[in-house]
Amino acid sequence: MSKIQPSKVATVDEVKAKIGATTTAVVTQYRGLTVAEISHIRRQLRTLGADYKVFKNTLVRRAVSGTSVEPLTQFLEGPTAIAFVEGDVSAVAKALRDLAKISPLLILKGGVLDGKALSPKDIDALADLPSRDVLLAQFAGALASPLRTMASLFQAVPQNFAYGLSALLDSKGGPVATAAVETDEPAAETPAGVEGAADAASDDTAALVAEVEADAEVPVTDAEAHTEAPEGVAIEPAE
């Protein structure tokens, strides 16, 4: 049993590394293309996040066997170059289709996307999809529209409230009249010191009256009868 050449082992490892980084690939036929044309295609796809390279079919089959990319083996017939896509697959598909129009010898044979085989028609459909940047912009616009509407509603709420409050005040005779009618402020309370002084004065008056009443029960002489009573107190002569 012959050993696999180191170069072939390196190629198998390279393909395994690529399918370890992505599960999307497009297989093309390049028969008749010059090295310069293949290099041009590779440079174009590299800007879109795809690595385009020529591989031997037998080594690719060995590398992808038992992996999610294995369905692409059905397209490994004849001279093939594979674009392993880590970027926007629709952008890569569109670029390959445009390049195939310029170079008819470049033929899109098929591919694989997340473990599912892609026919040439599937790749053409992917090419018609908007790019990732366009989809993100459309998605952002769809999100921003409700947010702008909500912001307008929030801005309208205080304005409408102010208009409604103004109309209510006008209907009740203006701000001054409304304040006079609708005030709910409690009556002013008597300061604690003033209230205490009033209670003390009331107690002194009661004591004085009681004392005068007690004196009125004691018999008085004629001389005392002619004594002037204190101002504000009436003393009746004893019977």
Foldseek 3Di string as FASTA:
>chain_A
DDDDDPVLVVVLVVLLVLCVLFLWKWKKAQPPDDPVLQVVLQVVVVVQAKGKAWDQLVSNCVNCPPHLFNVCNVQRDHGMIMIRHPGWLLCNLLSQVVSCVVPVSIGTAWIGHRSHTGGNVNSVVSVPDDTPVVVVVVVVVVVVVVVVVVVVVVVVVVVVVVVVVQVVQVVQPHDVSCCVVPPPDDDDDDDPVVVVVVVVVVVVVVVVVVVLVVVLVDADDPVVVPDDDPPPDDRDHDD
